[in-house]
Amino acid sequence: MKDTVECTVCKYVISFINVLIQNNATEQEIEKGLEVVCKLLPASYHTKCDNFVVTYGPILPELIAELDDPNVICDWLSLCKKSDDKFIEIPSVKSNKLKSIPCNLCQYLVNYLDAIIQSNSTETKFEQELEKACKILPTKILESECKSIVDLYGIDLIKLLVEKGNPKTVCQELGICDK
């Protein structure tokens, strides 16, 4: 949680667009996603997010195709400091009930949560905001999978994010992403 607002916004937007791309969204759906993605964030993030989308929006699909990981992309854009991701083995938080959920969907949700945490929201607000993050997804299947993550892991997502500080590591610990 030591990242800058720009870094948080970058990871969040990249994760969101990555979910759309992985689910074969059309160019128009991706453009629509770029129009609404910033509205999901707390108001204090809107300007930075809008600036990010205007600056990098046209090249995001290519960056995602080439570099894949939001952490790598945002490092490459010099918006985040280089991280030394050392994976610490801990037991799964819950049994592995969500293996069918896409890794990038989990990362999108955790990046969104990171932005909410940095805006100093309350615990109740976290769950409401996470549900709002699920509702914007373009298909009912994705929305349902996203809601499953929120329902099953809820507050554990926050604890793991605080402990691990990296959405990919959090999703790996949950057993959603491969290590």
N, C-alpha and C. Protein backbone atom coordinates (compact mmCIF):
# COMPACT_ATOMS: atom_id res chain seq x y z
N MET A 1 0.82 -1.19 0.00
CA MET A 1 0.00 0.00 0.00
C MET A 1 0.86 1.24 0.00
N LYS A 2 2.11 1.07 -0.35
CA LYS A 2 3.02 2.20 -0.37
C LYS A 2 3.05 2.85 -1.76
N ASP A 3 2.26 2.32 -2.68
CA ASP A 3 2.26 2.84 -4.04
C ASP A 3 1.61 4.22 -4.10
N THR A 4 1.93 4.95 -5.14
CA THR A 4 1.35 6.25 -5.36
C THR A 4 -0.06 6.09 -5.91
N VAL A 5 -0.81 7.18 -5.91
CA VAL A 5 -2.15 7.16 -6.50
C VAL A 5 -2.06 6.77 -7.97
N GLU A 6 -1.06 7.31 -8.68
CA GLU A 6 -0.90 6.99 -10.10
C GLU A 6 -0.69 5.50 -10.31
N CYS A 7 0.10 4.89 -9.44
CA CYS A 7 0.37 3.46 -9.53
C CYS A 7 -0.91 2.66 -9.29
N THR A 8 -1.65 3.03 -8.26
CA THR A 8 -2.90 2.35 -7.94
C THR A 8 -3.88 2.46 -9.09
N VAL A 9 -4.03 3.66 -9.63
CA VAL A 9 -4.94 3.88 -10.76
C VAL A 9 -4.49 3.05 -11.96
N CYS A 10 -3.21 3.04 -12.24
CA CYS A 10 -2.69 2.27 -13.37
C CYS A 10 -3.04 0.80 -13.23
N LYS A 11 -2.75 0.21 -12.08
CA LYS A 11 -3.02 -1.22 -11.86
C LYS A 11 -4.51 -1.52 -11.97
N TYR A 12 -5.31 -0.64 -11.42
CA TYR A 12 -6.76 -0.82 -11.45
C TYR A 12 -7.28 -0.80 -12.89
N VAL A 13 -6.91 0.22 -13.65
CA VAL A 13 -7.41 0.34 -15.03
C VAL A 13 -6.91 -0.83 -15.89
N ILE A 14 -5.63 -1.16 -15.76
CA ILE A 14 -5.06 -2.28 -16.53
C ILE A 14 -5.80 -3.57 -16.19
N SER A 15 -6.05 -3.82 -14.91
CA SER A 15 -6.76 -5.03 -14.50
C SER A 15 -8.16 -5.07 -15.08
N PHE A 16 -8.84 -3.94 -15.05
CA PHE A 16 -10.20 -3.85 -15.58
C PHE A 16 -10.22 -4.17 -17.07
N ILE A 17 -9.34 -3.51 -17.83
CA ILE A 17 -9.30 -3.72 -19.28
C ILE A 17 -8.85 -5.14 -19.59
N ASN A 18 -7.93 -5.68 -18.81
CA ASN A 18 -7.47 -7.05 -19.01
C ASN A 18 -8.63 -8.04 -18.87
N VAL A 19 -9.51 -7.83 -17.89
CA VAL A 19 -10.68 -8.69 -17.74
C VAL A 19 -11.53 -8.64 -19.00
N LEU A 20 -11.74 -7.44 -19.53
CA LEU A 20 -12.53 -7.31 -20.76
C LEU A 20 -11.88 -8.04 -21.92
N ILE A 21 -10.57 -7.85 -22.09
CA ILE A 21 -9.85 -8.48 -23.20
C ILE A 21 -9.90 -10.00 -23.08
N GLN A 22 -9.67 -10.51 -21.87
CA GLN A 22 -9.68 -11.96 -21.66
C GLN A 22 -11.04 -12.57 -21.94
N ASN A 23 -12.08 -11.75 -21.88
CA ASN A 23 -13.42 -12.24 -22.15
C ASN A 23 -13.91 -11.83 -23.54
N ASN A 24 -12.93 -11.61 -24.42
CA ASN A 24 -13.19 -11.35 -25.84
C ASN A 24 -14.11 -10.16 -26.10
N ALA A 25 -13.92 -9.10 -25.33
CA ALA A 25 -14.69 -7.88 -25.55
C ALA A 25 -14.33 -7.28 -26.90
N THR A 26 -15.30 -6.66 -27.52
CA THR A 26 -15.04 -5.99 -28.79
C THR A 26 -14.31 -4.68 -28.53
N GLU A 27 -13.80 -4.10 -29.58
CA GLU A 27 -13.13 -2.80 -29.45
C GLU A 27 -14.08 -1.76 -28.85
N GLN A 28 -15.34 -1.80 -29.27
CA GLN A 28 -16.34 -0.86 -28.73
C GLN A 28 -16.58 -1.10 -27.25
N GLU A 29 -16.61 -2.36 -26.82
CA GLU A 29 -16.81 -2.67 -25.40
C GLU A 29 -15.61 -2.21 -24.57
N ILE A 30 -14.42 -2.33 -25.13
CA ILE A 30 -13.22 -1.86 -24.43
C ILE A 30 -13.26 -0.34 -24.31
N GLU A 31 -13.65 0.34 -25.40
CA GLU A 31 -13.76 1.80 -25.36
C GLU A 31 -14.80 2.23 -24.32
N LYS A 32 -15.93 1.53 -24.28
CA LYS A 32 -16.97 1.84 -23.29
C LYS A 32 -16.43 1.59 -21.88
N GLY A 33 -15.66 0.51 -21.71
CA GLY A 33 -15.05 0.21 -20.43
C GLY A 33 -14.13 1.34 -19.98
N LEU A 34 -13.36 1.88 -20.93
CA LEU A 34 -12.45 2.99 -20.60
C LEU A 34 -13.23 4.24 -20.20
N GLU A 35 -14.45 4.39 -20.74
CA GLU A 35 -15.28 5.54 -20.39
C GLU A 35 -15.83 5.44 -18.96
N VAL A 36 -16.12 4.22 -18.50
CA VAL A 36 -16.78 4.08 -17.20
C VAL A 36 -15.84 3.66 -16.07
N VAL A 37 -14.66 3.15 -16.40
CA VAL A 37 -13.77 2.58 -15.38
C VAL A 37 -13.44 3.56 -14.25
N CYS A 38 -13.26 4.82 -14.54
CA CYS A 38 -12.87 5.80 -13.52
C CYS A 38 -14.04 6.16 -12.60
N LYS A 39 -15.26 6.02 -13.10
CA LYS A 39 -16.42 6.37 -12.29
C LYS A 39 -16.62 5.43 -11.11
N LEU A 40 -16.01 4.25 -11.16
CA LEU A 40 -16.12 3.29 -10.06
C LEU A 40 -15.25 3.65 -8.87
N LEU A 41 -14.22 4.41 -9.12
CA LEU A 41 -13.26 4.75 -8.06
C LEU A 41 -13.81 5.86 -7.18
N PRO A 42 -13.27 5.99 -5.96
CA PRO A 42 -13.66 7.12 -5.11
C PRO A 42 -13.37 8.44 -5.85
N ALA A 43 -14.16 9.46 -5.56
CA ALA A 43 -14.08 10.74 -6.25
C ALA A 43 -12.67 11.33 -6.28
N SER A 44 -11.91 11.11 -5.22
CA SER A 44 -10.56 11.69 -5.15
C SER A 44 -9.63 11.10 -6.22
N TYR A 45 -10.02 9.99 -6.83
CA TYR A 45 -9.19 9.35 -7.85
C TYR A 45 -9.61 9.70 -9.27
N HIS A 46 -10.77 10.32 -9.45
CA HIS A 46 -11.32 10.54 -10.79
C HIS A 46 -10.37 11.30 -11.72
N THR A 47 -9.80 12.40 -11.27
CA THR A 47 -8.95 13.20 -12.14
C THR A 47 -7.72 12.42 -12.59
N LYS A 48 -7.05 11.78 -11.64
CA LYS A 48 -5.85 11.00 -11.99
C LYS A 48 -6.22 9.86 -12.93
N CYS A 49 -7.34 9.21 -12.67
CA CYS A 49 -7.78 8.10 -13.51
C CYS A 49 -8.13 8.60 -14.92
N ASP A 50 -8.88 9.68 -15.00
CA ASP A 50 -9.23 10.24 -16.32
C ASP A 50 -7.97 10.61 -17.09
N ASN A 51 -7.00 11.22 -16.41
CA ASN A 51 -5.73 11.58 -17.07
C ASN A 51 -5.01 10.34 -17.57
N PHE A 52 -5.00 9.28 -16.76
CA PHE A 52 -4.36 8.02 -17.15
C PHE A 52 -5.03 7.45 -18.40
N VAL A 53 -6.37 7.42 -18.40
CA VAL A 53 -7.11 6.85 -19.54
C VAL A 53 -6.86 7.67 -20.81
N VAL A 54 -6.86 9.00 -20.69
CA VAL A 54 -6.60 9.84 -21.86
C VAL A 54 -5.19 9.61 -22.38
N THR A 55 -4.23 9.54 -21.48
CA THR A 55 -2.83 9.38 -21.87
C THR A 55 -2.52 8.00 -22.43
N TYR A 56 -2.97 6.96 -21.75
CA TYR A 56 -2.55 5.60 -22.10
C TYR A 56 -3.64 4.73 -22.72
N GLY A 57 -4.88 5.17 -22.66
CA GLY A 57 -6.00 4.37 -23.17
C GLY A 57 -5.78 3.75 -24.54
N PRO A 58 -5.33 4.53 -25.53
CA PRO A 58 -5.17 3.96 -26.87
C PRO A 58 -4.15 2.82 -26.97
N ILE A 59 -3.17 2.79 -26.06
CA ILE A 59 -2.14 1.74 -26.16
C ILE A 59 -2.32 0.61 -25.15
N LEU A 60 -3.32 0.73 -24.28
CA LEU A 60 -3.50 -0.28 -23.23
C LEU A 60 -3.69 -1.70 -23.77
N PRO A 61 -4.56 -1.91 -24.78
CA PRO A 61 -4.71 -3.29 -25.28
C PRO A 61 -3.39 -3.91 -25.76
N GLU A 62 -2.57 -3.12 -26.42
CA GLU A 62 -1.28 -3.63 -26.90
C GLU A 62 -0.34 -3.93 -25.73
N LEU A 63 -0.31 -3.03 -24.74
CA LEU A 63 0.53 -3.25 -23.57
C LEU A 63 0.10 -4.51 -22.82
N ILE A 64 -1.20 -4.68 -22.68
CA ILE A 64 -1.72 -5.85 -21.98
C ILE A 64 -1.37 -7.12 -22.75
N ALA A 65 -1.52 -7.07 -24.07
CA ALA A 65 -1.19 -8.25 -24.90
C ALA A 65 0.30 -8.58 -24.79
N GLU A 66 1.12 -7.57 -24.74
CA GLU A 66 2.57 -7.77 -24.72
C GLU A 66 3.11 -8.13 -23.33
N LEU A 67 2.67 -7.39 -22.30
CA LEU A 67 3.27 -7.53 -20.98
C LEU A 67 2.39 -8.27 -19.97
N ASP A 68 1.10 -8.33 -20.20
CA ASP A 68 0.11 -9.10 -19.44
C ASP A 68 -0.12 -8.66 -18.00
N ASP A 69 0.87 -8.57 -17.17
CA ASP A 69 0.72 -8.31 -15.74
C ASP A 69 0.61 -6.81 -15.44
N PRO A 70 -0.46 -6.37 -14.72
CA PRO A 70 -0.60 -4.95 -14.39
C PRO A 70 0.63 -4.38 -13.67
N ASN A 71 1.26 -5.19 -12.80
CA ASN A 71 2.45 -4.70 -12.09
C ASN A 71 3.59 -4.40 -13.06
N VAL A 72 3.80 -5.29 -14.03
CA VAL A 72 4.87 -5.11 -15.01
C VAL A 72 4.57 -3.90 -15.90
N ILE A 73 3.31 -3.78 -16.35
CA ILE A 73 2.94 -2.67 -17.23
C ILE A 73 3.13 -1.33 -16.52
N CYS A 74 2.65 -1.24 -15.28
CA CYS A 74 2.76 0.03 -14.55
C CYS A 74 4.20 0.35 -14.17
N ASP A 75 5.00 -0.68 -13.91
CA ASP A 75 6.44 -0.47 -13.72
C ASP A 75 7.05 0.06 -15.00
N TRP A 76 6.70 -0.56 -16.13
CA TRP A 76 7.24 -0.18 -17.44
C TRP A 76 6.87 1.25 -17.79
N LEU A 77 5.66 1.67 -17.41
CA LEU A 77 5.23 3.05 -17.66
C LEU A 77 5.82 4.03 -16.65
N SER A 78 6.63 3.53 -15.73
CA SER A 78 7.27 4.33 -14.68
C SER A 78 6.25 4.99 -13.75
N LEU A 79 5.12 4.33 -13.55
CA LEU A 79 4.10 4.85 -12.64
C LEU A 79 4.18 4.18 -11.27
N CYS A 80 4.89 3.07 -11.19
CA CYS A 80 5.05 2.36 -9.92
C CYS A 80 6.54 2.10 -9.73
N LYS A 81 6.92 2.09 -8.46
CA LYS A 81 8.31 1.74 -8.21
C LYS A 81 8.47 0.24 -8.42
N LYS A 82 9.64 -0.17 -8.81
CA LYS A 82 9.91 -1.59 -9.01
C LYS A 82 9.68 -2.32 -7.70
N SER A 83 8.97 -3.43 -7.78
CA SER A 83 8.72 -4.19 -6.56
C SER A 83 9.55 -5.45 -6.57
N ASP A 84 9.91 -5.86 -5.38
CA ASP A 84 10.68 -7.08 -5.21
C ASP A 84 9.70 -8.14 -4.71
N ASP A 85 8.95 -8.73 -5.63
CA ASP A 85 7.91 -9.68 -5.25
C ASP A 85 8.51 -11.01 -4.87
N LYS A 86 8.58 -11.23 -3.58
CA LYS A 86 9.01 -12.53 -3.08
C LYS A 86 7.75 -13.24 -2.60
N PHE A 87 7.51 -14.42 -3.13
CA PHE A 87 6.30 -15.14 -2.77
C PHE A 87 6.52 -15.88 -1.47
N ILE A 88 5.70 -15.58 -0.50
CA ILE A 88 5.78 -16.21 0.80
C ILE A 88 4.69 -17.26 0.84
N GLU A 89 5.08 -18.48 1.13
CA GLU A 89 4.11 -19.57 1.17
C GLU A 89 3.29 -19.49 2.45
N ILE A 90 1.99 -19.38 2.31
CA ILE A 90 1.09 -19.50 3.46
C ILE A 90 -0.05 -20.39 3.03
N PRO A 91 -0.72 -21.02 3.97
CA PRO A 91 -1.85 -21.87 3.59
C PRO A 91 -2.95 -21.03 2.94
N SER A 92 -3.73 -21.64 2.07
CA SER A 92 -4.84 -20.93 1.44
C SER A 92 -5.77 -20.40 2.51
N VAL A 93 -6.32 -19.24 2.24
CA VAL A 93 -7.24 -18.63 3.19
C VAL A 93 -8.50 -19.48 3.34
N LYS A 94 -9.01 -19.97 2.25
CA LYS A 94 -10.19 -20.83 2.23
C LYS A 94 -9.89 -22.00 1.32
N SER A 95 -10.77 -23.00 1.34
CA SER A 95 -10.57 -24.11 0.41
C SER A 95 -10.68 -23.57 -1.01
N ASN A 96 -10.07 -24.26 -1.92
CA ASN A 96 -9.99 -23.77 -3.29
C ASN A 96 -11.31 -23.98 -4.04
N LYS A 97 -12.29 -23.11 -3.76
CA LYS A 97 -13.60 -23.23 -4.37
C LYS A 97 -13.72 -22.44 -5.66
N LEU A 98 -12.73 -21.60 -5.97
CA LEU A 98 -12.89 -20.66 -7.07
C LEU A 98 -11.88 -20.88 -8.19
N LYS A 99 -11.43 -22.09 -8.40
CA LYS A 99 -10.38 -22.34 -9.39
C LYS A 99 -10.83 -21.96 -10.80
N SER A 100 -12.13 -21.98 -11.07
CA SER A 100 -12.61 -21.66 -12.41
C SER A 100 -12.63 -20.16 -12.69
N ILE A 101 -12.45 -19.35 -11.66
CA ILE A 101 -12.50 -17.89 -11.83
C ILE A 101 -11.19 -17.41 -12.46
N PRO A 102 -11.29 -16.54 -13.46
CA PRO A 102 -10.06 -16.04 -14.12
C PRO A 102 -9.16 -15.27 -13.15
N CYS A 103 -7.89 -15.51 -13.26
CA CYS A 103 -6.89 -14.84 -12.43
C CYS A 103 -7.01 -13.32 -12.55
N ASN A 104 -7.18 -12.84 -13.79
CA ASN A 104 -7.21 -11.39 -13.99
C ASN A 104 -8.45 -10.74 -13.38
N LEU A 105 -9.53 -11.50 -13.21
CA LEU A 105 -10.72 -10.98 -12.54
C LEU A 105 -10.42 -10.75 -11.06
N CYS A 106 -9.75 -11.71 -10.46
CA CYS A 106 -9.33 -11.56 -9.06
C CYS A 106 -8.41 -10.35 -8.91
N GLN A 107 -7.44 -10.21 -9.81
CA GLN A 107 -6.50 -9.10 -9.73
C GLN A 107 -7.22 -7.76 -9.90
N TYR A 108 -8.19 -7.70 -10.80
CA TYR A 108 -8.98 -6.49 -10.99
C TYR A 108 -9.65 -6.11 -9.67
N LEU A 109 -10.29 -7.09 -9.04
CA LEU A 109 -11.01 -6.83 -7.81
C LEU A 109 -10.07 -6.38 -6.69
N VAL A 110 -8.92 -7.01 -6.58
CA VAL A 110 -7.96 -6.64 -5.53
C VAL A 110 -7.36 -5.26 -5.82
N ASN A 111 -7.09 -4.94 -7.09
CA ASN A 111 -6.62 -3.59 -7.43
C ASN A 111 -7.67 -2.55 -7.07
N TYR A 112 -8.93 -2.86 -7.33
CA TYR A 112 -10.02 -1.95 -6.99
C TYR A 112 -10.07 -1.76 -5.47
N LEU A 113 -9.94 -2.87 -4.75
CA LEU A 113 -9.93 -2.82 -3.29
C LEU A 113 -8.79 -1.95 -2.79
N ASP A 114 -7.62 -2.05 -3.41
CA ASP A 114 -6.47 -1.25 -3.03
C ASP A 114 -6.80 0.24 -3.14
N ALA A 115 -7.47 0.62 -4.20
CA ALA A 115 -7.85 2.03 -4.37
C ALA A 115 -8.84 2.46 -3.29
N ILE A 116 -9.77 1.58 -2.94
CA ILE A 116 -10.74 1.90 -1.89
C ILE A 116 -10.03 2.07 -0.55
N ILE A 117 -9.12 1.16 -0.25
CA ILE A 117 -8.38 1.23 1.02
C ILE A 117 -7.61 2.55 1.11
N GLN A 118 -6.96 2.92 0.01
CA GLN A 118 -6.17 4.16 0.04
C GLN A 118 -7.04 5.40 0.21
N SER A 119 -8.34 5.27 -0.07
CA SER A 119 -9.23 6.42 0.14
C SER A 119 -9.81 6.42 1.56
N ASN A 120 -9.29 5.50 2.41
CA ASN A 120 -9.67 5.42 3.82
C ASN A 120 -11.15 5.16 4.05
N SER A 121 -11.73 4.26 3.28
CA SER A 121 -13.12 3.89 3.46
C SER A 121 -13.29 2.98 4.67
N THR A 122 -14.52 2.85 5.12
CA THR A 122 -14.80 1.96 6.25
C THR A 122 -14.96 0.53 5.73
N GLU A 123 -14.95 -0.44 6.65
CA GLU A 123 -15.07 -1.85 6.27
C GLU A 123 -16.38 -2.14 5.55
N THR A 124 -17.49 -1.57 6.02
CA THR A 124 -18.78 -1.77 5.36
C THR A 124 -18.74 -1.20 3.96
N LYS A 125 -18.11 -0.05 3.83
CA LYS A 125 -18.00 0.60 2.53
C LYS A 125 -17.19 -0.28 1.56
N PHE A 126 -16.18 -1.00 2.06
CA PHE A 126 -15.38 -1.88 1.20
C PHE A 126 -16.27 -2.87 0.48
N GLU A 127 -17.12 -3.56 1.23
CA GLU A 127 -17.95 -4.59 0.62
C GLU A 127 -18.94 -3.99 -0.36
N GLN A 128 -19.51 -2.83 -0.04
CA GLN A 128 -20.43 -2.16 -0.96
C GLN A 128 -19.69 -1.77 -2.25
N GLU A 129 -18.50 -1.22 -2.09
CA GLU A 129 -17.72 -0.79 -3.26
C GLU A 129 -17.30 -1.99 -4.11
N LEU A 130 -16.92 -3.09 -3.46
CA LEU A 130 -16.53 -4.28 -4.22
C LEU A 130 -17.72 -4.82 -5.02
N GLU A 131 -18.89 -4.80 -4.43
CA GLU A 131 -20.08 -5.24 -5.18
C GLU A 131 -20.34 -4.33 -6.36
N LYS A 132 -20.09 -3.03 -6.19
CA LYS A 132 -20.26 -2.07 -7.29
C LYS A 132 -19.24 -2.38 -8.39
N ALA A 133 -18.03 -2.77 -8.01
CA ALA A 133 -17.00 -3.12 -8.99
C ALA A 133 -17.44 -4.33 -9.82
N CYS A 134 -18.17 -5.24 -9.20
CA CYS A 134 -18.64 -6.43 -9.93
C CYS A 134 -19.76 -6.08 -10.90
N LYS A 135 -20.62 -5.15 -10.53
CA LYS A 135 -21.80 -4.82 -11.35
C LYS A 135 -21.44 -4.20 -12.69
N ILE A 136 -20.28 -3.59 -12.80
CA ILE A 136 -19.93 -2.93 -14.06
C ILE A 136 -19.38 -3.90 -15.10
N LEU A 137 -19.05 -5.11 -14.70
CA LEU A 137 -18.47 -6.07 -15.63
C LEU A 137 -19.47 -6.39 -16.75
N PRO A 138 -18.96 -6.63 -17.97
CA PRO A 138 -19.83 -6.67 -19.15
C PRO A 138 -20.73 -7.89 -19.29
N THR A 139 -20.44 -8.99 -18.60
CA THR A 139 -21.31 -10.16 -18.74
C THR A 139 -21.80 -10.62 -17.38
N LYS A 140 -22.94 -11.27 -17.37
CA LYS A 140 -23.52 -11.79 -16.12
C LYS A 140 -22.62 -12.85 -15.50
N ILE A 141 -21.94 -13.63 -16.35
CA ILE A 141 -21.04 -14.68 -15.85
C ILE A 141 -19.90 -14.04 -15.05
N LEU A 142 -19.26 -13.02 -15.65
CA LEU A 142 -18.17 -12.34 -14.94
C LEU A 142 -18.68 -11.68 -13.66
N GLU A 143 -19.84 -11.07 -13.74
CA GLU A 143 -20.40 -10.42 -12.56
C GLU A 143 -20.64 -11.45 -11.46
N SER A 144 -21.15 -12.60 -11.82
CA SER A 144 -21.41 -13.67 -10.87
C SER A 144 -20.11 -14.20 -10.25
N GLU A 145 -19.08 -14.40 -11.09
CA GLU A 145 -17.79 -14.88 -10.59
C GLU A 145 -17.16 -13.85 -9.66
N CYS A 146 -17.28 -12.59 -10.03
CA CYS A 146 -16.74 -11.50 -9.21
C CYS A 146 -17.46 -11.49 -7.85
N LYS A 147 -18.78 -11.60 -7.88
CA LYS A 147 -19.56 -11.61 -6.63
C LYS A 147 -19.18 -12.81 -5.77
N SER A 148 -18.85 -13.94 -6.40
CA SER A 148 -18.40 -15.12 -5.64
C SER A 148 -17.13 -14.81 -4.86
N ILE A 149 -16.21 -14.10 -5.48
CA ILE A 149 -14.96 -13.73 -4.79
C ILE A 149 -15.30 -12.85 -3.58
N VAL A 150 -16.15 -11.84 -3.80
CA VAL A 150 -16.51 -10.92 -2.72
C VAL A 150 -17.22 -11.68 -1.59
N ASP A 151 -18.19 -12.54 -1.95
CA ASP A 151 -18.94 -13.27 -0.94
C ASP A 151 -18.07 -14.24 -0.16
N LEU A 152 -17.20 -14.94 -0.85
CA LEU A 152 -16.40 -15.97 -0.22
C LEU A 152 -15.23 -15.40 0.59
N TYR A 153 -14.59 -14.35 0.07
CA TYR A 153 -13.37 -13.87 0.70
C TYR A 153 -13.51 -12.54 1.42
N GLY A 154 -14.43 -11.68 0.98
CA GLY A 154 -14.71 -10.41 1.64
C GLY A 154 -13.53 -9.79 2.36
N ILE A 155 -13.60 -9.79 3.68
CA ILE A 155 -12.61 -9.12 4.52
C ILE A 155 -11.23 -9.77 4.42
N ASP A 156 -11.17 -11.06 4.05
CA ASP A 156 -9.88 -11.73 3.88
C ASP A 156 -9.07 -11.07 2.76
N LEU A 157 -9.75 -10.54 1.75
CA LEU A 157 -9.05 -9.83 0.67
C LEU A 157 -8.28 -8.64 1.23
N ILE A 158 -8.92 -7.92 2.12
CA ILE A 158 -8.28 -6.75 2.73
C ILE A 158 -7.06 -7.18 3.54
N LYS A 159 -7.24 -8.20 4.37
CA LYS A 159 -6.13 -8.67 5.21
C LYS A 159 -4.95 -9.12 4.35
N LEU A 160 -5.24 -9.89 3.31
CA LEU A 160 -4.16 -10.37 2.44
C LEU A 160 -3.50 -9.22 1.68
N LEU A 161 -4.30 -8.26 1.24
CA LEU A 161 -3.73 -7.12 0.51
C LEU A 161 -2.81 -6.32 1.42
N VAL A 162 -3.23 -6.12 2.66
CA VAL A 162 -2.38 -5.39 3.61
C VAL A 162 -1.10 -6.18 3.86
N GLU A 163 -1.23 -7.50 4.00
CA GLU A 163 -0.08 -8.34 4.30
C GLU A 163 0.85 -8.50 3.10
N LYS A 164 0.29 -8.72 1.92
CA LYS A 164 1.09 -9.03 0.73
C LYS A 164 1.39 -7.80 -0.13
N GLY A 165 0.46 -6.85 -0.17
CA GLY A 165 0.69 -5.61 -0.91
C GLY A 165 0.70 -5.73 -2.42
N ASN A 166 0.33 -6.89 -2.95
CA ASN A 166 0.39 -7.09 -4.39
C ASN A 166 -0.80 -7.94 -4.81
N PRO A 167 -1.65 -7.42 -5.71
CA PRO A 167 -2.85 -8.17 -6.12
C PRO A 167 -2.57 -9.57 -6.67
N LYS A 168 -1.51 -9.72 -7.44
CA LYS A 168 -1.22 -11.04 -7.99
C LYS A 168 -0.89 -12.03 -6.87
N THR A 169 -0.11 -11.59 -5.89
CA THR A 169 0.25 -12.44 -4.76
C THR A 169 -1.00 -12.80 -3.95
N VAL A 170 -1.89 -11.83 -3.74
CA VAL A 170 -3.13 -12.09 -3.02
C VAL A 170 -3.93 -13.18 -3.73
N CYS A 171 -4.08 -13.04 -5.03
CA CYS A 171 -4.87 -14.01 -5.80
C CYS A 171 -4.19 -15.38 -5.87
N GLN A 172 -2.87 -15.39 -5.82
CA GLN A 172 -2.16 -16.66 -5.75
C GLN A 172 -2.40 -17.34 -4.40
N GLU A 173 -2.39 -16.55 -3.33
CA GLU A 173 -2.62 -17.10 -2.01
C GLU A 173 -4.03 -17.67 -1.88
N LEU A 174 -4.98 -17.06 -2.59
CA LEU A 174 -6.35 -17.55 -2.58
C LEU A 174 -6.52 -18.80 -3.42
N GLY A 175 -5.52 -19.11 -4.24
CA GLY A 175 -5.59 -20.28 -5.10
C GLY A 175 -6.30 -20.01 -6.42
N ILE A 176 -6.57 -18.74 -6.72
CA ILE A 176 -7.24 -18.38 -7.97
C ILE A 176 -6.22 -18.26 -9.10
N CYS A 177 -5.06 -17.71 -8.80
CA CYS A 177 -3.98 -17.58 -9.79
C CYS A 177 -2.90 -18.61 -9.50
N ASP A 178 -2.27 -19.10 -10.56
CA ASP A 178 -1.17 -20.04 -10.39
C ASP A 178 0.05 -19.32 -9.85
N LYS A 179 0.83 -20.05 -9.07
CA LYS A 179 2.08 -19.48 -8.52
C LYS A 179 3.19 -19.58 -9.52
